[in-house]
Amino acid sequence: MSDDLRAAAFSAGPLLLRPWRQDDMPALVEAYRDPTMRNRLGHFVTDEADAGRWLRVQAEGRETGTRFSFAVVDTERGDELVGNVVLKYPHPGSGSAEVGYWTAVWARGRGIAPQAVEALTGWAFTAFAEDGLRRLELIHQEDNKASCRVAVKCGYAFAEILPARAPWPLDGHLHVRHAA
């Protein structure tokens, strides 16, 4: 994998999507204090030790080319951490990958998620075009109406209902977007 992919960073309006850094730990821990976020995600970050482990997983994914996680920071607010977007590509060359994201509670309602997801989508289809990436999936629990709106805003069409399975207690929605 190229060093360009390992170090990839890009902008979406006032947002900068960049690799996670060790100095993001305090903001990461703070973001995970939000009960809604803890309810929506399958993992927890409760302290700096957890944050360190989480950051290592992100770095390892980038190194192996199977997970490209980006800290989303607002450059108009002093590089405030406002979220995360991730491209999960467990089988490079398979033609399909998954997009995930979260937005910090203090940044919700500002249109950050659609901007960041759209930017990640464009980057993924461009960066992995030669690898054959043609399909991106976005999955959320059925009761997460905000994520449904983000998916639709970003051109991810509803594809099917996924049955609940651990650790998710509710059915999910699968949304799909194909490369142009």
Protein backbone atom coordinates (compact mmCIF):
# COMPACT_ATOMS: atom_id res chain seq x y z
CA MET A 1 0.00 0.00 0.00
CA SER A 2 1.25 3.47 -0.82
CA ASP A 3 2.35 5.99 1.75
CA ASP A 4 -0.19 8.37 0.19
CA LEU A 5 -3.04 6.13 1.38
CA ARG A 6 -1.50 5.70 4.84
CA ALA A 7 -1.24 9.47 5.27
CA ALA A 8 -4.39 10.45 3.36
CA ALA A 9 -6.14 13.60 4.56
CA PHE A 10 -8.61 15.80 2.73
CA SER A 11 -11.03 18.68 3.24
CA ALA A 12 -14.78 19.08 2.94
CA GLY A 13 -15.59 22.76 3.33
CA PRO A 14 -14.42 23.77 6.81
CA LEU A 15 -13.89 20.14 7.78
CA LEU A 16 -10.55 18.38 7.66
CA LEU A 17 -10.56 14.59 7.57
CA ARG A 18 -7.18 13.34 8.75
CA PRO A 19 -5.62 10.29 10.39
CA TRP A 20 -6.20 10.01 14.13
CA ARG A 21 -3.34 11.14 16.40
CA GLN A 22 -2.35 10.43 19.99
CA ASP A 23 -3.20 14.01 20.97
CA ASP A 24 -6.83 13.33 19.98
CA MET A 25 -7.23 11.08 23.06
CA PRO A 26 -8.91 13.59 25.40
CA ALA A 27 -11.49 14.64 22.79
CA LEU A 28 -12.10 10.99 21.87
CA VAL A 29 -12.80 10.07 25.49
CA GLU A 30 -15.09 13.10 25.82
CA ALA A 31 -17.02 12.18 22.65
CA TYR A 32 -17.67 8.68 24.00
CA ARG A 33 -19.24 10.06 27.18
CA ASP A 34 -22.38 10.68 25.14
CA PRO A 35 -24.96 7.98 26.05
CA THR A 36 -26.51 8.08 22.57
CA MET A 37 -23.16 7.36 20.96
CA ARG A 38 -22.40 4.54 23.38
CA ASN A 39 -25.80 3.06 22.53
CA ARG A 40 -25.15 3.23 18.78
CA LEU A 41 -21.59 1.87 18.67
CA GLY A 42 -20.43 -1.62 19.47
CA HIS A 43 -17.40 -0.54 21.49
CA PHE A 44 -16.68 1.83 24.35
CA VAL A 45 -13.95 4.31 25.09
CA THR A 46 -14.17 5.24 28.76
CA ASP A 47 -10.63 6.38 29.54
CA GLU A 48 -7.24 7.05 27.99
CA ALA A 49 -6.30 3.34 28.07
CA ASP A 50 -9.39 2.52 26.00
CA ALA A 51 -8.67 5.47 23.72
CA GLY A 52 -5.10 4.22 23.21
CA ARG A 53 -6.38 0.78 22.23
CA TRP A 54 -8.96 2.33 19.88
CA LEU A 55 -6.29 4.50 18.24
CA ARG A 56 -4.04 1.44 17.78
CA VAL A 57 -6.85 -0.41 15.98
CA GLN A 58 -7.27 2.57 13.65
CA ALA A 59 -3.52 2.77 12.97
CA GLU A 60 -3.25 -0.99 12.36
CA GLY A 61 -6.17 -0.86 9.94
CA ARG A 62 -4.50 1.92 7.99
CA GLU A 63 -1.22 -0.03 7.88
CA THR A 64 -2.93 -3.18 6.57
CA GLY A 65 -5.21 -1.29 4.18
CA THR A 66 -8.36 -2.75 5.73
CA ARG A 67 -9.61 0.25 7.71
CA PHE A 68 -9.18 3.95 6.97
CA SER A 69 -10.48 5.94 9.92
CA PHE A 70 -10.40 9.73 9.84
CA ALA A 71 -10.75 12.22 12.66
CA VAL A 72 -13.11 14.94 11.46
CA VAL A 73 -12.06 18.36 12.73
CA ASP A 74 -13.66 21.76 12.18
CA THR A 75 -10.97 24.18 11.01
CA GLU A 76 -13.26 27.16 11.62
CA ARG A 77 -13.46 26.22 15.31
CA GLY A 78 -9.80 25.79 16.11
CA ASP A 79 -9.57 22.22 14.77
CA GLU A 80 -12.25 21.05 17.19
CA LEU A 81 -12.84 17.29 16.92
CA VAL A 82 -16.39 16.86 15.64
CA GLY A 83 -16.54 13.26 14.47
CA ASN A 84 -15.14 10.20 12.80
CA VAL A 85 -15.62 8.59 9.40
CA VAL A 86 -14.25 5.22 8.43
CA LEU A 87 -13.88 3.08 5.34
CA LYS A 88 -13.90 -0.59 6.35
CA TYR A 89 -12.31 -2.58 3.53
CA PRO A 90 -11.65 -6.01 5.05
CA HIS A 91 -11.12 -7.70 1.68
CA PRO A 92 -9.22 -5.30 -0.61
CA GLY A 93 -9.99 -6.08 -4.22
CA SER A 94 -13.47 -7.43 -3.39
CA GLY A 95 -15.18 -4.45 -5.00
CA SER A 96 -17.16 -3.62 -1.85
CA ALA A 97 -16.50 -1.78 1.41
CA GLU A 98 -18.47 -0.30 4.31
CA VAL A 99 -18.67 3.30 5.43
CA GLY A 100 -19.24 4.18 9.08
CA TYR A 101 -19.28 7.39 11.05
CA TRP A 102 -20.17 9.15 14.26
CA THR A 103 -20.61 12.78 15.19
CA ALA A 104 -19.74 14.19 18.61
CA VAL A 105 -22.77 15.39 20.57
CA TRP A 106 -21.48 18.98 20.63
CA ALA A 107 -21.35 19.03 16.81
CA ARG A 108 -24.69 17.46 15.88
CA GLY A 109 -27.20 19.43 13.86
CA ARG A 110 -24.53 21.31 11.88
CA GLY A 111 -24.53 19.10 8.77
CA ILE A 112 -21.16 17.58 9.63
CA ALA A 113 -22.08 13.92 9.07
CA PRO A 114 -23.34 14.37 5.48
CA GLN A 115 -20.32 16.52 4.56
CA ALA A 116 -17.86 14.03 6.03
CA VAL A 117 -19.58 10.93 4.61
CA GLU A 118 -19.81 12.52 1.16
CA ALA A 119 -16.11 13.46 1.28
CA LEU A 120 -15.11 9.96 2.39
CA THR A 121 -17.27 8.42 -0.33
CA GLY A 122 -15.63 10.48 -3.07
CA TRP A 123 -12.16 9.76 -1.70
CA ALA A 124 -12.84 6.00 -1.44
CA PHE A 125 -14.16 5.65 -4.98
CA THR A 126 -11.18 7.62 -6.33
CA ALA A 127 -8.45 6.12 -4.14
CA PHE A 128 -9.54 2.53 -4.72
CA ALA A 129 -10.87 2.73 -8.29
CA GLU A 130 -7.94 0.73 -9.69
CA ASP A 131 -8.49 -1.85 -6.93
CA GLY A 132 -12.02 -2.36 -8.26
CA LEU A 133 -14.03 -0.64 -5.51
CA ARG A 134 -17.49 -0.19 -7.01
CA ARG A 135 -19.90 -0.47 -4.05
CA LEU A 136 -20.09 1.16 -0.63
CA GLU A 137 -22.48 0.10 2.12
CA LEU A 138 -23.74 2.12 5.06
CA ILE A 139 -25.48 0.19 7.86
CA HIS A 140 -27.42 1.52 10.85
CA GLN A 141 -30.01 0.31 13.35
CA GLU A 142 -33.59 0.87 12.19
CA ASP A 143 -34.35 3.30 15.00
CA ASN A 144 -31.50 5.63 14.00
CA LYS A 145 -33.49 8.06 11.88
CA ALA A 146 -30.63 10.57 11.71
CA SER A 147 -28.34 8.00 10.10
CA CYS A 148 -31.05 7.11 7.64
CA ARG A 149 -31.28 10.78 6.62
CA VAL A 150 -27.49 11.04 6.28
CA ALA A 151 -27.40 7.94 4.07
CA VAL A 152 -30.12 9.27 1.77
CA LYS A 153 -28.56 12.77 1.62
CA CYS A 154 -25.29 11.19 0.52
CA GLY A 155 -26.87 9.12 -2.24
CA TYR A 156 -26.89 5.78 -0.40
CA ALA A 157 -30.11 4.09 -1.48
CA PHE A 158 -32.01 1.90 0.96
CA ALA A 159 -31.38 -1.73 -0.06
CA GLU A 160 -32.77 -4.01 2.63
CA ILE A 161 -33.58 -4.65 6.27
CA LEU A 162 -30.94 -6.67 8.10
CA PRO A 163 -32.08 -8.90 10.99
CA ALA A 164 -30.83 -8.04 14.47
CA ARG A 165 -27.72 -9.89 15.60
CA ALA A 166 -25.36 -9.44 18.52
CA PRO A 167 -24.28 -6.89 19.58
CA TRP A 168 -27.15 -5.05 17.85
CA PRO A 169 -30.54 -5.58 19.51
CA LEU A 170 -32.60 -4.17 16.63
CA ASP A 171 -32.94 -4.82 12.93
CA GLY A 172 -30.79 -2.64 10.71
CA HIS A 173 -30.98 -0.82 7.42
CA LEU A 174 -28.49 -1.46 4.63
CA HIS A 175 -27.95 1.48 2.28
CA VAL A 176 -25.80 1.16 -0.85
CA ARG A 177 -24.03 3.55 -3.19
CA HIS A 178 -22.32 2.51 -6.41
CA ALA A 179 -19.40 4.23 -8.11
CA ALA A 180 -20.45 6.54 -10.92
